[in-house]
Amino acid sequence: MEWSITLVGMFGVLTLLFLAGMPVAFAFLLINVVGLYVFMGGEKALALLVTSAFDSVATFVLVTVPLFIL
């Protein structure tokens, strides 16, 4: 499948999710997970998703951000 066809389809689904009232963060999350699965393959994509999610919360630099909000 061509990447351009997939890109147009993903933008179409994203637009439908927005029109259906899904919050922007969850719509982007769903589109990103599906895109990762399509372009990288199943098990490898899920392993990358788990690793990047763990690495993003394991950085200590971002610990002070919620304290400034309080």
N, C-alpha and C. Protein backbone atom coordinates (compact mmCIF):
# COMPACT_ATOMS: atom_id res chain seq x y z
N MET A 1 0.84 -1.17 0.00
CA MET A 1 0.00 0.00 0.00
C MET A 1 0.89 1.24 0.00
N GLU A 2 0.54 2.20 -0.82
CA GLU A 2 1.31 3.43 -0.90
C GLU A 2 1.14 4.27 0.36
N TRP A 3 2.18 4.96 0.75
CA TRP A 3 2.12 5.77 1.96
C TRP A 3 1.18 6.96 1.79
N SER A 4 1.05 7.46 0.56
CA SER A 4 0.18 8.62 0.36
C SER A 4 -1.29 8.26 0.54
N ILE A 5 -1.67 7.06 0.12
CA ILE A 5 -3.05 6.60 0.30
C ILE A 5 -3.34 6.41 1.79
N THR A 6 -2.38 5.85 2.49
CA THR A 6 -2.54 5.66 3.93
C THR A 6 -2.63 7.00 4.65
N LEU A 7 -1.83 7.97 4.22
CA LEU A 7 -1.85 9.29 4.83
C LEU A 7 -3.20 9.97 4.65
N VAL A 8 -3.75 9.91 3.45
CA VAL A 8 -5.06 10.51 3.20
C VAL A 8 -6.13 9.80 4.02
N GLY A 9 -6.05 8.48 4.12
CA GLY A 9 -7.00 7.73 4.93
C GLY A 9 -6.92 8.09 6.40
N MET A 10 -5.70 8.27 6.90
CA MET A 10 -5.53 8.61 8.31
C MET A 10 -6.06 10.01 8.60
N PHE A 11 -5.85 10.95 7.68
CA PHE A 11 -6.41 12.29 7.86
C PHE A 11 -7.93 12.25 7.81
N GLY A 12 -8.47 11.39 6.96
CA GLY A 12 -9.92 11.24 6.89
C GLY A 12 -10.50 10.69 8.18
N VAL A 13 -9.86 9.66 8.71
CA VAL A 13 -10.32 9.08 9.98
C VAL A 13 -10.16 10.08 11.11
N LEU A 14 -9.07 10.84 11.10
CA LEU A 14 -8.86 11.86 12.13
C LEU A 14 -9.96 12.92 12.08
N THR A 15 -10.33 13.33 10.88
CA THR A 15 -11.42 14.29 10.73
C THR A 15 -12.73 13.72 11.23
N LEU A 16 -13.00 12.46 10.92
CA LEU A 16 -14.22 11.83 11.41
C LEU A 16 -14.24 11.73 12.94
N LEU A 17 -13.10 11.43 13.52
CA LEU A 17 -13.03 11.36 14.98
C LEU A 17 -13.28 12.72 15.61
N PHE A 18 -12.74 13.78 14.99
CA PHE A 18 -12.99 15.13 15.50
C PHE A 18 -14.46 15.49 15.39
N LEU A 19 -15.08 15.16 14.25
CA LEU A 19 -16.50 15.47 14.05
C LEU A 19 -17.40 14.65 14.96
N ALA A 20 -16.92 13.47 15.37
CA ALA A 20 -17.70 12.62 16.27
C ALA A 20 -17.62 13.10 17.72
N GLY A 21 -16.73 14.05 17.98
CA GLY A 21 -16.64 14.61 19.32
C GLY A 21 -15.58 13.98 20.20
N MET A 22 -14.69 13.19 19.63
CA MET A 22 -13.62 12.60 20.43
C MET A 22 -12.61 13.69 20.78
N PRO A 23 -12.12 13.70 22.01
CA PRO A 23 -11.10 14.70 22.38
C PRO A 23 -9.85 14.57 21.51
N VAL A 24 -9.21 15.69 21.28
CA VAL A 24 -8.08 15.75 20.35
C VAL A 24 -6.95 14.81 20.78
N ALA A 25 -6.64 14.76 22.05
CA ALA A 25 -5.53 13.92 22.53
C ALA A 25 -5.80 12.45 22.25
N PHE A 26 -7.04 12.00 22.49
CA PHE A 26 -7.35 10.59 22.26
C PHE A 26 -7.42 10.26 20.77
N ALA A 27 -7.88 11.21 19.96
CA ALA A 27 -7.92 10.99 18.52
C ALA A 27 -6.50 10.87 17.96
N PHE A 28 -5.60 11.76 18.40
CA PHE A 28 -4.21 11.66 17.95
C PHE A 28 -3.56 10.37 18.45
N LEU A 29 -3.85 9.98 19.67
CA LEU A 29 -3.30 8.74 20.21
C LEU A 29 -3.73 7.54 19.37
N LEU A 30 -5.01 7.48 19.05
CA LEU A 30 -5.53 6.37 18.26
C LEU A 30 -4.90 6.35 16.87
N ILE A 31 -4.82 7.50 16.22
CA ILE A 31 -4.23 7.57 14.88
C ILE A 31 -2.75 7.20 14.92
N ASN A 32 -2.03 7.65 15.93
CA ASN A 32 -0.60 7.33 16.03
C ASN A 32 -0.36 5.85 16.27
N VAL A 33 -1.17 5.23 17.12
CA VAL A 33 -1.00 3.80 17.38
C VAL A 33 -1.31 2.98 16.13
N VAL A 34 -2.38 3.35 15.44
CA VAL A 34 -2.73 2.63 14.20
C VAL A 34 -1.66 2.85 13.13
N GLY A 35 -1.17 4.07 12.99
CA GLY A 35 -0.11 4.35 12.02
C GLY A 35 1.18 3.62 12.34
N LEU A 36 1.53 3.55 13.60
CA LEU A 36 2.71 2.81 14.01
C LEU A 36 2.56 1.33 13.69
N TYR A 37 1.37 0.81 13.93
CA TYR A 37 1.11 -0.60 13.65
C TYR A 37 1.18 -0.88 12.15
N VAL A 38 0.63 0.02 11.33
CA VAL A 38 0.60 -0.19 9.88
C VAL A 38 1.99 -0.08 9.28
N PHE A 39 2.75 0.93 9.68
CA PHE A 39 4.03 1.18 9.04
C PHE A 39 5.18 0.36 9.59
N MET A 40 5.12 -0.06 10.86
CA MET A 40 6.25 -0.79 11.44
C MET A 40 5.96 -2.26 11.68
N GLY A 41 4.73 -2.67 11.62
CA GLY A 41 4.41 -4.06 11.90
C GLY A 41 3.96 -4.22 13.34
N GLY A 42 3.28 -5.31 13.62
CA GLY A 42 2.59 -5.50 14.88
C GLY A 42 3.41 -5.50 16.14
N GLU A 43 4.14 -6.56 16.40
CA GLU A 43 4.82 -6.73 17.68
C GLU A 43 5.95 -5.72 17.87
N LYS A 44 6.65 -5.42 16.81
CA LYS A 44 7.74 -4.45 16.89
C LYS A 44 7.22 -3.06 17.24
N ALA A 45 6.07 -2.70 16.69
CA ALA A 45 5.48 -1.39 16.96
C ALA A 45 5.02 -1.28 18.41
N LEU A 46 4.41 -2.32 18.92
CA LEU A 46 3.95 -2.28 20.31
C LEU A 46 5.12 -2.22 21.29
N ALA A 47 6.21 -2.91 20.98
CA ALA A 47 7.39 -2.84 21.83
C ALA A 47 7.98 -1.43 21.83
N LEU A 48 8.00 -0.79 20.66
CA LEU A 48 8.50 0.58 20.58
C LEU A 48 7.60 1.54 21.34
N LEU A 49 6.30 1.32 21.28
CA LEU A 49 5.35 2.17 21.99
C LEU A 49 5.55 2.08 23.51
N VAL A 50 5.73 0.88 24.01
CA VAL A 50 5.94 0.69 25.45
C VAL A 50 7.27 1.29 25.89
N THR A 51 8.30 1.09 25.09
CA THR A 51 9.62 1.63 25.44
C THR A 51 9.62 3.15 25.45
N SER A 52 9.02 3.76 24.44
CA SER A 52 9.02 5.22 24.40
C SER A 52 8.14 5.81 25.49
N ALA A 53 7.05 5.14 25.85
CA ALA A 53 6.21 5.64 26.94
C ALA A 53 6.96 5.56 28.27
N PHE A 54 7.70 4.49 28.49
CA PHE A 54 8.47 4.36 29.73
C PHE A 54 9.58 5.40 29.78
N ASP A 55 10.27 5.61 28.66
CA ASP A 55 11.37 6.58 28.64
C ASP A 55 10.88 8.01 28.86
N SER A 56 9.67 8.30 28.40
CA SER A 56 9.18 9.67 28.55
C SER A 56 8.83 10.00 30.00
N VAL A 57 8.41 9.02 30.78
CA VAL A 57 8.09 9.30 32.19
C VAL A 57 9.28 9.05 33.10
N ALA A 58 10.36 8.51 32.57
CA ALA A 58 11.52 8.21 33.40
C ALA A 58 12.53 9.36 33.45
N THR A 59 12.26 10.46 32.73
CA THR A 59 13.19 11.58 32.77
C THR A 59 12.89 12.44 33.99
N PHE A 60 13.92 12.75 34.74
CA PHE A 60 13.75 13.50 35.98
C PHE A 60 13.70 15.01 35.74
N VAL A 61 14.02 15.44 34.54
CA VAL A 61 13.99 16.87 34.24
C VAL A 61 12.56 17.39 34.29
N LEU A 62 11.60 16.58 33.89
CA LEU A 62 10.22 17.02 33.83
C LEU A 62 9.47 16.89 35.16
N VAL A 63 10.14 16.46 36.21
CA VAL A 63 9.49 16.29 37.50
C VAL A 63 9.06 17.63 38.08
N THR A 64 9.80 18.68 37.81
CA THR A 64 9.49 19.99 38.41
C THR A 64 8.33 20.71 37.72
N VAL A 65 7.93 20.29 36.56
CA VAL A 65 6.87 20.99 35.83
C VAL A 65 5.55 21.02 36.61
N PRO A 66 5.06 19.91 37.17
CA PRO A 66 3.81 20.00 37.94
C PRO A 66 3.94 20.89 39.18
N LEU A 67 5.12 21.00 39.74
CA LEU A 67 5.30 21.85 40.91
C LEU A 67 5.11 23.32 40.58
N PHE A 68 5.48 23.73 39.36
CA PHE A 68 5.28 25.11 38.96
C PHE A 68 3.81 25.39 38.69
N ILE A 69 3.06 24.38 38.31
CA ILE A 69 1.63 24.57 38.06
C ILE A 69 0.89 24.75 39.37
N LEU A 70 1.34 24.06 40.43
CA LEU A 70 0.69 24.21 41.74
C LEU A 70 0.96 25.58 42.27
